[in-house]
Amino acid sequence: MSLAAEPVTWGDVAYDTAHRLQEIGVADAQSQARRLVEQASGYEGGEYYVGLTKAATQRQLAYLDDMLARLLAGEPLQYVLGRWGFRGLDLMVSPAVLIPRPETETLAGLAIAELSRRDPPGGVVVDLGTGSGAVGLSVAAECETAHVVLTDVSSDAAGVAQANLVGLGRAAVRVSIRQGSWFEALPQSLVGMVDVVVSNPPYVRDDEALPADVADWEPALALRGGPDGLDGARQILADAGKWLSTGGSVLLELSPDQMQEAASVAVAQGLNVEAIHADLAGRNRVLQCRSQ
């Protein structure tokens, strides 16, 4: 986008941006162009179409030019924007954390449903390897009686989660963040007290090919799970029994082809396999186990 001397409307900008994205084969060029224009103009949601008639300033055009250059260079849209939606939350995201995905909304929903079935509803929830905090913060926002602990081994990821916690509002008082590897991050006072363990651990095999926008940008620490992708899941399942309350649940997001092996690991660790849940696309995505 050139910095034109004459006034240019956001409608012109949106058209030109979509055209440039289409030229490089972006399938959803119109949608991505809209997100860039919304970010640069400040006209979002219902205000977007009104904004298309307004003139863009030179500073706004420069901001959009920078974002568009990053996108054309292969950087994922979510990182370019620095934010992404998840179950109604507007989350900060950066290359320090995975981009929140629709299938992970299923994981959060299952944790919330598990809490709602308890008598009384709520309890202590631990989100292991929280990344942006998407799952654990959604639980805190949607379950008023949940007390949530977010953990991550990465200090950079924990910083992103902390930034998102600040924007959570009143529910933030029921959330704490601790840095460390899996259960090692938790205080001993939580032994036998955790009602729900939820995690989206790294589950991509070390030799598995990934699209360039994932492999080149998203953190390998949060993606790669060892030779069969189950290193993180094994660690969580091995230690879960110590931390869970009686009848407490473990919910793990995994690849569909890992479910049977992970279920066998859970049984070997003394957990009851309760269900394998499908994601929004109908693929087996979440393993649910329960302590005895």
C-alpha atoms as a PDB file:
ATOM      1  CA  MET A   1       0.000   0.000   0.000  1.00  0.00           C
ATOM      2  CA  SER A   2       1.642   3.232  -1.110  1.00  0.00           C
ATOM      3  CA  LEU A   3       1.330   6.301   1.039  1.00  0.00           C
ATOM      4  CA  ALA A   4      -0.809   8.405  -1.299  1.00  0.00           C
ATOM      5  CA  ALA A   5      -0.769  12.206  -1.017  1.00  0.00           C
ATOM      6  CA  GLU A   6      -4.506  12.434  -1.722  1.00  0.00           C
ATOM      7  CA  PRO A   7      -7.088  11.222   0.796  1.00  0.00           C
ATOM      8  CA  VAL A   8      -7.969   7.553   0.383  1.00  0.00           C
ATOM      9  CA  THR A   9     -10.935   5.815   1.936  1.00  0.00           C
ATOM     10  CA  TRP A  10     -10.748   2.606   3.919  1.00  0.00           C
ATOM     11  CA  GLY A  11     -12.941   1.045   1.249  1.00  0.00           C
ATOM     12  CA  ASP A  12     -10.185   1.677  -1.305  1.00  0.00           C
ATOM     13  CA  VAL A  13      -7.623   0.319   1.131  1.00  0.00           C
ATOM     14  CA  ALA A  14      -9.649  -2.838   1.792  1.00  0.00           C
ATOM     15  CA  TYR A  15     -10.073  -3.495  -1.940  1.00  0.00           C
ATOM     16  CA  ASP A  16      -6.369  -3.009  -2.674  1.00  0.00           C
ATOM     17  CA  THR A  17      -5.287  -5.128   0.308  1.00  0.00           C
ATOM     18  CA  ALA A  18      -7.552  -8.017  -0.669  1.00  0.00           C
ATOM     19  CA  HIS A  19      -6.277  -7.821  -4.261  1.00  0.00           C
ATOM     20  CA  ARG A  20      -2.656  -8.064  -3.137  1.00  0.00           C
ATOM     21  CA  LEU A  21      -3.439 -11.055  -0.951  1.00  0.00           C
ATOM     22  CA  GLN A  22      -5.316 -12.748  -3.782  1.00  0.00           C
ATOM     23  CA  GLU A  23      -2.285 -12.268  -6.039  1.00  0.00           C
ATOM     24  CA  ILE A  24      -0.203 -14.505  -3.776  1.00  0.00           C
ATOM     25  CA  GLY A  25      -2.923 -17.127  -3.543  1.00  0.00           C
ATOM     26  CA  VAL A  26      -4.399 -16.399  -0.111  1.00  0.00           C
ATOM     27  CA  ALA A  27      -7.685 -18.340  -0.064  1.00  0.00           C
ATOM     28  CA  ASP A  28      -9.489 -16.095   2.425  1.00  0.00           C
ATOM     29  CA  ALA A  29      -8.051 -12.813   1.125  1.00  0.00           C
ATOM     30  CA  GLN A  30     -11.236 -10.814   1.762  1.00  0.00           C
ATOM     31  CA  SER A  31     -11.426 -11.948   5.376  1.00  0.00           C
ATOM     32  CA  GLN A  32      -7.748 -11.313   6.086  1.00  0.00           C
ATOM     33  CA  ALA A  33      -7.911  -7.901   4.418  1.00  0.00           C
ATOM     34  CA  ARG A  34     -10.838  -6.992   6.634  1.00  0.00           C
ATOM     35  CA  ARG A  35      -8.924  -8.007   9.774  1.00  0.00           C
ATOM     36  CA  LEU A  36      -5.972  -5.842   8.756  1.00  0.00           C
ATOM     37  CA  VAL A  37      -8.195  -2.872   7.949  1.00  0.00           C
ATOM     38  CA  GLU A  38     -10.098  -3.255  11.235  1.00  0.00           C
ATOM     39  CA  GLN A  39      -6.825  -3.310  13.146  1.00  0.00           C
ATOM     40  CA  ALA A  40      -5.353  -0.288  11.363  1.00  0.00           C
ATOM     41  CA  SER A  41      -8.512   1.830  11.239  1.00  0.00           C
ATOM     42  CA  GLY A  42     -10.088   1.015  14.583  1.00  0.00           C
ATOM     43  CA  TYR A  43     -13.432   0.413  12.860  1.00  0.00           C
ATOM     44  CA  GLU A  44     -14.282  -3.102  14.043  1.00  0.00           C
ATOM     45  CA  GLY A  45     -17.350  -5.312  14.063  1.00  0.00           C
ATOM     46  CA  GLY A  46     -20.532  -3.402  13.298  1.00  0.00           C
ATOM     47  CA  GLU A  47     -18.585  -0.195  12.652  1.00  0.00           C
ATOM     48  CA  TYR A  48     -16.525  -1.714   9.854  1.00  0.00           C
ATOM     49  CA  TYR A  49     -18.806  -0.853   6.926  1.00  0.00           C
ATOM     50  CA  VAL A  50     -19.305   2.706   8.173  1.00  0.00           C
ATOM     51  CA  GLY A  51     -15.533   2.984   8.429  1.00  0.00           C
ATOM     52  CA  LEU A  52     -15.075   2.035   4.771  1.00  0.00           C
ATOM     53  CA  THR A  53     -16.396   5.476   3.805  1.00  0.00           C
ATOM     54  CA  LYS A  54     -13.920   7.300   6.047  1.00  0.00           C
ATOM     55  CA  ALA A  55     -10.525   8.647   5.016  1.00  0.00           C
ATOM     56  CA  ALA A  56      -7.388   6.891   6.225  1.00  0.00           C
ATOM     57  CA  THR A  57      -4.556   8.916   7.741  1.00  0.00           C
ATOM     58  CA  GLN A  58      -0.941   8.590   6.659  1.00  0.00           C
ATOM     59  CA  ARG A  59      -0.040   7.058  10.034  1.00  0.00           C
ATOM     60  CA  GLN A  60      -2.808   4.472   9.736  1.00  0.00           C
ATOM     61  CA  LEU A  61      -1.734   3.596   6.191  1.00  0.00           C
ATOM     62  CA  ALA A  62       1.856   3.166   7.354  1.00  0.00           C
ATOM     63  CA  TYR A  63       0.663   0.798  10.085  1.00  0.00           C
ATOM     64  CA  LEU A  64      -1.351  -1.227   7.591  1.00  0.00           C
ATOM     65  CA  ASP A  65       1.607  -1.300   5.163  1.00  0.00           C
ATOM     66  CA  ASP A  66       3.794  -2.770   7.903  1.00  0.00           C
ATOM     67  CA  MET A  67       1.230  -5.438   8.802  1.00  0.00           C
ATOM     68  CA  LEU A  68       0.645  -6.322   5.157  1.00  0.00           C
ATOM     69  CA  ALA A  69       4.389  -6.685   4.518  1.00  0.00           C
ATOM     70  CA  ARG A  70       4.663  -9.089   7.445  1.00  0.00           C
ATOM     71  CA  LEU A  71       1.701 -11.099   6.186  1.00  0.00           C
ATOM     72  CA  LEU A  72       3.105 -11.250   2.649  1.00  0.00           C
ATOM     73  CA  ALA A  73       6.391 -12.505   4.126  1.00  0.00           C
ATOM     74  CA  GLY A  74       4.576 -15.512   5.584  1.00  0.00           C
ATOM     75  CA  GLU A  75       3.932 -14.444   9.164  1.00  0.00           C
ATOM     76  CA  PRO A  76       0.584 -15.792  10.420  1.00  0.00           C
ATOM     77  CA  LEU A  77      -2.227 -13.261  10.579  1.00  0.00           C
ATOM     78  CA  GLN A  78      -2.716 -13.842  14.303  1.00  0.00           C
ATOM     79  CA  TYR A  79       0.860 -12.789  15.099  1.00  0.00           C
ATOM     80  CA  VAL A  80       0.652  -9.845  12.726  1.00  0.00           C
ATOM     81  CA  LEU A  81      -2.435  -8.605  14.563  1.00  0.00           C
ATOM     82  CA  GLY A  82      -0.969  -9.526  17.960  1.00  0.00           C
ATOM     83  CA  ARG A  83      -4.378 -10.755  19.119  1.00  0.00           C
ATOM     84  CA  TRP A  84      -6.944 -13.440  18.416  1.00  0.00           C
ATOM     85  CA  GLY A  85     -10.383 -14.434  19.661  1.00  0.00           C
ATOM     86  CA  PHE A  86     -11.098 -17.547  21.701  1.00  0.00           C
ATOM     87  CA  ARG A  87     -14.524 -18.336  23.226  1.00  0.00           C
ATOM     88  CA  GLY A  88     -15.350 -14.644  23.495  1.00  0.00           C
ATOM     89  CA  LEU A  89     -11.959 -13.583  24.871  1.00  0.00           C
ATOM     90  CA  ASP A  90      -9.732 -11.194  22.927  1.00  0.00           C
ATOM     91  CA  LEU A  91      -6.306 -12.652  23.615  1.00  0.00           C
ATOM     92  CA  MET A  92      -2.844 -11.243  23.066  1.00  0.00           C
ATOM     93  CA  VAL A  93      -0.745 -13.684  21.027  1.00  0.00           C
ATOM     94  CA  SER A  94       2.914 -13.681  19.970  1.00  0.00           C
ATOM     95  CA  PRO A  95       5.415 -16.221  18.603  1.00  0.00           C
ATOM     96  CA  ALA A  96       6.068 -17.170  22.237  1.00  0.00           C
ATOM     97  CA  VAL A  97       2.761 -19.084  22.285  1.00  0.00           C
ATOM     98  CA  LEU A  98       0.653 -21.250  20.016  1.00  0.00           C
ATOM     99  CA  ILE A  99      -2.096 -19.565  18.051  1.00  0.00           C
ATOM    100  CA  PRO A 100      -5.448 -20.464  19.718  1.00  0.00           C
ATOM    101  CA  ARG A 101      -7.364 -22.868  17.473  1.00  0.00           C
ATOM    102  CA  PRO A 102     -11.049 -23.795  17.189  1.00  0.00           C
ATOM    103  CA  GLU A 103     -10.462 -27.417  18.249  1.00  0.00           C
ATOM    104  CA  THR A 104      -9.030 -26.196  21.542  1.00  0.00           C
ATOM    105  CA  GLU A 105     -12.312 -24.440  22.272  1.00  0.00           C
ATOM    106  CA  THR A 106     -13.705 -27.967  22.641  1.00  0.00           C
ATOM    107  CA  LEU A 107     -11.127 -28.681  25.349  1.00  0.00           C
ATOM    108  CA  ALA A 108     -12.116 -25.559  27.279  1.00  0.00           C
ATOM    109  CA  GLY A 109     -15.806 -26.341  26.915  1.00  0.00           C
ATOM    110  CA  LEU A 110     -15.332 -29.841  28.312  1.00  0.00           C
ATOM    111  CA  ALA A 111     -13.489 -28.485  31.346  1.00  0.00           C
ATOM    112  CA  ILE A 112     -16.296 -25.997  31.977  1.00  0.00           C
ATOM    113  CA  ALA A 113     -18.912 -28.747  31.585  1.00  0.00           C
ATOM    114  CA  GLU A 114     -17.020 -30.936  34.046  1.00  0.00           C
ATOM    115  CA  LEU A 115     -17.056 -28.167  36.638  1.00  0.00           C
ATOM    116  CA  SER A 116     -20.765 -27.542  36.125  1.00  0.00           C
ATOM    117  CA  ARG A 117     -21.521 -31.187  36.967  1.00  0.00           C
ATOM    118  CA  ARG A 118     -19.794 -31.019  40.319  1.00  0.00           C
ATOM    119  CA  ASP A 119     -21.789 -30.594  43.529  1.00  0.00           C
ATOM    120  CA  PRO A 120     -21.386 -27.778  44.301  1.00  0.00           C
ATOM    121  CA  PRO A 121     -20.305 -26.514  40.847  1.00  0.00           C
ATOM    122  CA  GLY A 122     -16.734 -25.300  40.417  1.00  0.00           C
ATOM    123  CA  GLY A 123     -13.450 -26.385  41.919  1.00  0.00           C
ATOM    124  CA  VAL A 124      -9.708 -26.141  41.395  1.00  0.00           C
ATOM    125  CA  VAL A 125      -8.551 -26.273  37.775  1.00  0.00           C
ATOM    126  CA  VAL A 126      -4.958 -26.515  36.599  1.00  0.00           C
ATOM    127  CA  ASP A 127      -4.130 -25.630  32.994  1.00  0.00           C
ATOM    128  CA  LEU A 128      -0.745 -27.215  32.302  1.00  0.00           C
ATOM    129  CA  GLY A 129       1.333 -25.656  29.518  1.00  0.00           C
ATOM    130  CA  THR A 130      -1.114 -22.798  29.268  1.00  0.00           C
ATOM    131  CA  GLY A 131       0.596 -20.750  26.537  1.00  0.00           C
ATOM    132  CA  SER A 132      -1.599 -17.698  25.952  1.00  0.00           C
ATOM    133  CA  GLY A 133      -3.853 -18.800  28.801  1.00  0.00           C
ATOM    134  CA  ALA A 134      -6.734 -19.417  26.386  1.00  0.00           C
ATOM    135  CA  VAL A 135      -8.142 -22.526  28.057  1.00  0.00           C
ATOM    136  CA  GLY A 136      -7.654 -21.647  31.697  1.00  0.00           C
ATOM    137  CA  LEU A 137      -8.821 -18.052  31.308  1.00  0.00           C
ATOM    138  CA  SER A 138     -11.935 -19.228  29.470  1.00  0.00           C
ATOM    139  CA  VAL A 139     -12.699 -21.543  32.376  1.00  0.00           C
ATOM    140  CA  ALA A 140     -12.283 -18.700  34.865  1.00  0.00           C
ATOM    141  CA  ALA A 141     -14.424 -16.355  32.774  1.00  0.00           C
ATOM    142  CA  GLU A 142     -17.257 -18.828  32.229  1.00  0.00           C
ATOM    143  CA  CYS A 143     -17.330 -20.595  35.599  1.00  0.00           C
ATOM    144  CA  GLU A 144     -17.708 -18.148  38.479  1.00  0.00           C
ATOM    145  CA  THR A 145     -16.748 -20.725  41.109  1.00  0.00           C
ATOM    146  CA  ALA A 146     -13.587 -21.998  39.422  1.00  0.00           C
ATOM    147  CA  HIS A 147     -10.168 -21.321  40.912  1.00  0.00           C
ATOM    148  CA  VAL A 148      -7.611 -21.656  38.136  1.00  0.00           C
ATOM    149  CA  VAL A 149      -3.852 -22.138  38.100  1.00  0.00           C
ATOM    150  CA  LEU A 150      -2.019 -21.569  34.818  1.00  0.00           C
ATOM    151  CA  THR A 151       1.440 -23.092  34.371  1.00  0.00           C
ATOM    152  CA  ASP A 152       4.051 -22.938  31.642  1.00  0.00           C
ATOM    153  CA  VAL A 153       7.731 -23.852  31.498  1.00  0.00           C
ATOM    154  CA  SER A 154       8.393 -20.871  29.213  1.00  0.00           C
ATOM    155  CA  SER A 155       8.830 -17.516  30.922  1.00  0.00           C
ATOM    156  CA  ASP A 156       7.884 -15.765  27.674  1.00  0.00           C
ATOM    157  CA  ALA A 157       4.651 -17.757  27.430  1.00  0.00           C
ATOM    158  CA  ALA A 158       3.884 -17.042  31.081  1.00  0.00           C
ATOM    159  CA  GLY A 159       4.333 -13.349  30.284  1.00  0.00           C
ATOM    160  CA  VAL A 160       1.745 -13.548  27.517  1.00  0.00           C
ATOM    161  CA  ALA A 161      -0.654 -15.365  29.852  1.00  0.00           C
ATOM    162  CA  GLN A 162      -0.076 -12.653  32.472  1.00  0.00           C
ATOM    163  CA  ALA A 163      -0.932  -9.944  29.936  1.00  0.00           C
ATOM    164  CA  ASN A 164      -4.147 -11.759  29.068  1.00  0.00           C
ATOM    165  CA  LEU A 165      -4.970 -12.232  32.740  1.00  0.00           C
ATOM    166  CA  VAL A 166      -4.803  -8.458  33.229  1.00  0.00           C
ATOM    167  CA  GLY A 167      -7.542  -8.067  30.645  1.00  0.00           C
ATOM    168  CA  LEU A 168      -9.834 -10.692  32.174  1.00  0.00           C
ATOM    169  CA  GLY A 169     -11.667  -8.389  34.545  1.00  0.00           C
ATOM    170  CA  ARG A 170     -13.176  -9.489  37.869  1.00  0.00           C
ATOM    171  CA  ALA A 171     -12.516 -13.182  37.198  1.00  0.00           C
ATOM    172  CA  ALA A 172      -8.769 -12.503  37.365  1.00  0.00           C
ATOM    173  CA  VAL A 173      -8.809 -12.671  41.171  1.00  0.00           C
ATOM    174  CA  ARG A 174      -9.489 -16.411  40.892  1.00  0.00           C
ATOM    175  CA  VAL A 175      -6.481 -17.074  38.639  1.00  0.00           C
ATOM    176  CA  SER A 176      -2.783 -17.484  39.409  1.00  0.00           C
ATOM    177  CA  ILE A 177       0.166 -18.116  37.091  1.00  0.00           C
ATOM    178  CA  ARG A 178       3.177 -20.237  37.952  1.00  0.00           C
ATOM    179  CA  GLN A 179       6.245 -20.984  35.843  1.00  0.00           C
ATOM    180  CA  GLY A 180       7.576 -24.541  35.688  1.00  0.00           C
ATOM    181  CA  SER A 181       7.378 -27.898  33.958  1.00  0.00           C
ATOM    182  CA  TRP A 182       3.948 -29.513  34.233  1.00  0.00           C
ATOM    183  CA  PHE A 183       3.028 -30.347  37.854  1.00  0.00           C
ATOM    184  CA  GLU A 184       6.435 -29.210  39.127  1.00  0.00           C
ATOM    185  CA  ALA A 185       5.126 -25.656  38.948  1.00  0.00           C
ATOM    186  CA  LEU A 186       2.402 -26.319  41.532  1.00  0.00           C
ATOM    187  CA  PRO A 187       2.661 -25.736  45.282  1.00  0.00           C
ATOM    188  CA  GLN A 188       2.541 -28.856  47.444  1.00  0.00           C
ATOM    189  CA  SER A 189      -0.623 -27.508  49.059  1.00  0.00           C
ATOM    190  CA  LEU A 190      -2.499 -28.613  45.920  1.00  0.00           C
ATOM    191  CA  VAL A 191      -1.585 -32.302  46.235  1.00  0.00           C
ATOM    192  CA  GLY A 192      -4.881 -34.218  46.162  1.00  0.00           C
ATOM    193  CA  MET A 193      -6.858 -30.994  45.725  1.00  0.00           C
ATOM    194  CA  VAL A 194      -7.071 -30.507  41.928  1.00  0.00           C
ATOM    195  CA  ASP A 195     -10.521 -31.211  40.510  1.00  0.00           C
ATOM    196  CA  VAL A 196      -9.704 -30.793  36.822  1.00  0.00           C
ATOM    197  CA  VAL A 197      -6.365 -31.004  35.036  1.00  0.00           C
ATOM    198  CA  VAL A 198      -6.613 -29.627  31.520  1.00  0.00           C
ATOM    199  CA  SER A 199      -3.826 -29.462  28.957  1.00  0.00           C
ATOM    200  CA  ASN A 200      -3.068 -29.012  25.294  1.00  0.00           C
ATOM    201  CA  PRO A 201       0.437 -30.496  25.487  1.00  0.00           C
ATOM    202  CA  PRO A 202       2.865 -30.667  22.547  1.00  0.00           C
ATOM    203  CA  TYR A 203       1.670 -33.643  20.498  1.00  0.00           C
ATOM    204  CA  VAL A 204       3.281 -33.291  17.075  1.00  0.00           C
ATOM    205  CA  ARG A 205       5.804 -36.060  16.345  1.00  0.00           C
ATOM    206  CA  ASP A 206       9.392 -34.835  16.033  1.00  0.00           C
ATOM    207  CA  ASP A 207       9.602 -36.071  12.428  1.00  0.00           C
ATOM    208  CA  GLU A 208       6.148 -34.877  11.378  1.00  0.00           C
ATOM    209  CA  ALA A 209       6.046 -32.298   8.594  1.00  0.00           C
ATOM    210  CA  LEU A 210       4.188 -29.084   9.355  1.00  0.00           C
ATOM    211  CA  PRO A 211       3.008 -26.199   7.145  1.00  0.00           C
ATOM    212  CA  ALA A 212       5.596 -23.422   6.856  1.00  0.00           C
ATOM    213  CA  ASP A 213       3.431 -20.888   8.693  1.00  0.00           C
ATOM    214  CA  VAL A 214       3.392 -23.250  11.668  1.00  0.00           C
ATOM    215  CA  ALA A 215       6.928 -24.689  11.545  1.00  0.00           C
ATOM    216  CA  ASP A 216       8.599 -21.319  10.934  1.00  0.00           C
ATOM    217  CA  TRP A 217       6.626 -19.241  13.409  1.00  0.00           C
ATOM    218  CA  GLU A 218       4.991 -21.164  16.249  1.00  0.00           C
ATOM    219  CA  PRO A 219       7.158 -22.315  19.186  1.00  0.00           C
ATOM    220  CA  ALA A 220       8.595 -25.821  18.725  1.00  0.00           C
ATOM    221  CA  LEU A 221       8.547 -26.251  22.512  1.00  0.00           C
ATOM    222  CA  ALA A 222       4.746 -26.106  22.403  1.00  0.00           C
ATOM    223  CA  LEU A 223       4.434 -28.262  19.265  1.00  0.00           C
ATOM    224  CA  ARG A 224       6.900 -31.161  19.307  1.00  0.00           C
ATOM    225  CA  GLY A 225       6.123 -34.026  21.660  1.00  0.00           C
ATOM    226  CA  GLY A 226       8.887 -36.531  20.998  1.00  0.00           C
ATOM    227  CA  PRO A 227       9.140 -39.514  18.628  1.00  0.00           C
ATOM    228  CA  ASP A 228       5.439 -40.396  18.902  1.00  0.00           C
ATOM    229  CA  GLY A 229       4.219 -37.001  20.110  1.00  0.00           C
ATOM    230  CA  LEU A 230       3.191 -38.289  23.528  1.00  0.00           C
ATOM    231  CA  ASP A 231       6.115 -37.289  25.767  1.00  0.00           C
ATOM    232  CA  GLY A 232       4.140 -34.517  27.459  1.00  0.00           C
ATOM    233  CA  ALA A 233       0.959 -36.568  27.776  1.00  0.00           C
ATOM    234  CA  ARG A 234       2.903 -39.410  29.434  1.00  0.00           C
ATOM    235  CA  GLN A 235       4.384 -37.059  32.020  1.00  0.00           C
ATOM    236  CA  ILE A 236       1.004 -35.550  32.823  1.00  0.00           C
ATOM    237  CA  LEU A 237      -0.757 -38.913  33.094  1.00  0.00           C
ATOM    238  CA  ALA A 238       2.046 -40.383  35.208  1.00  0.00           C
ATOM    239  CA  ASP A 239       1.772 -37.651  37.854  1.00  0.00           C
ATOM    240  CA  ALA A 240      -1.930 -36.777  37.678  1.00  0.00           C
ATOM    241  CA  GLY A 241      -3.048 -39.301  40.312  1.00  0.00           C
ATOM    242  CA  LYS A 242      -0.982 -37.571  43.001  1.00  0.00           C
ATOM    243  CA  TRP A 243      -2.586 -34.173  42.381  1.00  0.00           C
ATOM    244  CA  LEU A 244      -6.185 -35.061  41.577  1.00  0.00           C
ATOM    245  CA  SER A 245      -8.956 -34.989  44.118  1.00  0.00           C
ATOM    246  CA  THR A 246     -11.142 -38.085  44.436  1.00  0.00           C
ATOM    247  CA  GLY A 247     -13.052 -38.390  41.178  1.00  0.00           C
ATOM    248  CA  GLY A 248     -11.052 -35.573  39.594  1.00  0.00           C
ATOM    249  CA  SER A 249     -10.640 -35.418  35.818  1.00  0.00           C
ATOM    250  CA  VAL A 250      -7.810 -35.099  33.327  1.00  0.00           C
ATOM    251  CA  LEU A 251      -8.641 -33.610  29.922  1.00  0.00           C
ATOM    252  CA  LEU A 252      -5.936 -33.800  27.241  1.00  0.00           C
ATOM    253  CA  GLU A 253      -6.084 -32.461  23.696  1.00  0.00           C
ATOM    254  CA  LEU A 254      -4.222 -34.857  21.379  1.00  0.00           C
ATOM    255  CA  SER A 255      -4.102 -35.983  17.774  1.00  0.00           C
ATOM    256  CA  PRO A 256      -6.870 -38.423  16.757  1.00  0.00           C
ATOM    257  CA  ASP A 257      -4.338 -41.161  15.988  1.00  0.00           C
ATOM    258  CA  GLN A 258      -2.846 -40.943  19.494  1.00  0.00           C
ATOM    259  CA  MET A 259      -5.986 -41.639  21.482  1.00  0.00           C
ATOM    260  CA  GLN A 260      -5.670 -45.381  21.938  1.00  0.00           C
ATOM    261  CA  GLU A 261      -2.024 -45.255  23.000  1.00  0.00           C
ATOM    262  CA  ALA A 262      -2.701 -42.392  25.410  1.00  0.00           C
ATOM    263  CA  ALA A 263      -5.683 -44.258  26.846  1.00  0.00           C
ATOM    264  CA  SER A 264      -3.455 -47.284  27.485  1.00  0.00           C
ATOM    265  CA  VAL A 265      -0.950 -45.050  29.285  1.00  0.00           C
ATOM    266  CA  ALA A 266      -3.730 -43.617  31.458  1.00  0.00           C
ATOM    267  CA  VAL A 267      -4.981 -47.069  32.471  1.00  0.00           C
ATOM    268  CA  ALA A 268      -1.435 -48.162  33.301  1.00  0.00           C
ATOM    269  CA  GLN A 269      -1.186 -45.148  35.617  1.00  0.00           C
ATOM    270  CA  GLY A 270      -4.323 -46.142  37.501  1.00  0.00           C
ATOM    271  CA  LEU A 271      -6.738 -43.734  35.845  1.00  0.00           C
ATOM    272  CA  ASN A 272     -10.136 -44.617  34.443  1.00  0.00           C
ATOM    273  CA  VAL A 273     -10.635 -43.675  30.799  1.00  0.00           C
ATOM    274  CA  GLU A 274     -14.065 -42.072  30.731  1.00  0.00           C
ATOM    275  CA  ALA A 275     -14.463 -40.759  27.175  1.00  0.00           C
ATOM    276  CA  ILE A 276     -12.824 -39.671  23.949  1.00  0.00           C
ATOM    277  CA  HIS A 277     -14.470 -36.478  22.733  1.00  0.00           C
ATOM    278  CA  ALA A 278     -14.689 -35.206  19.152  1.00  0.00           C
ATOM    279  CA  ASP A 279     -13.846 -31.646  18.172  1.00  0.00           C
ATOM    280  CA  LEU A 280     -16.025 -29.324  16.081  1.00  0.00           C
ATOM    281  CA  ALA A 281     -14.851 -31.077  12.908  1.00  0.00           C
ATOM    282  CA  GLY A 282     -15.878 -34.486  14.239  1.00  0.00           C
ATOM    283  CA  ARG A 283     -12.332 -35.743  14.862  1.00  0.00           C
ATOM    284  CA  ASN A 284     -11.352 -37.449  18.120  1.00  0.00           C
ATOM    285  CA  ARG A 285      -9.552 -34.691  19.977  1.00  0.00           C
ATOM    286  CA  VAL A 286      -9.834 -34.854  23.772  1.00  0.00           C
ATOM    287  CA  LEU A 287      -9.073 -37.773  26.076  1.00  0.00           C
ATOM    288  CA  GLN A 288     -10.930 -37.637  29.389  1.00  0.00           C
ATOM    289  CA  CYS A 289      -9.740 -39.709  32.348  1.00  0.00           C
ATOM    290  CA  ARG A 290     -10.794 -39.798  35.962  1.00  0.00           C
ATOM    291  CA  SER A 291      -9.088 -40.660  39.217  1.00  0.00           C
ATOM    292  CA  GLN A 292     -10.430 -43.586  41.197  1.00  0.00           C
END
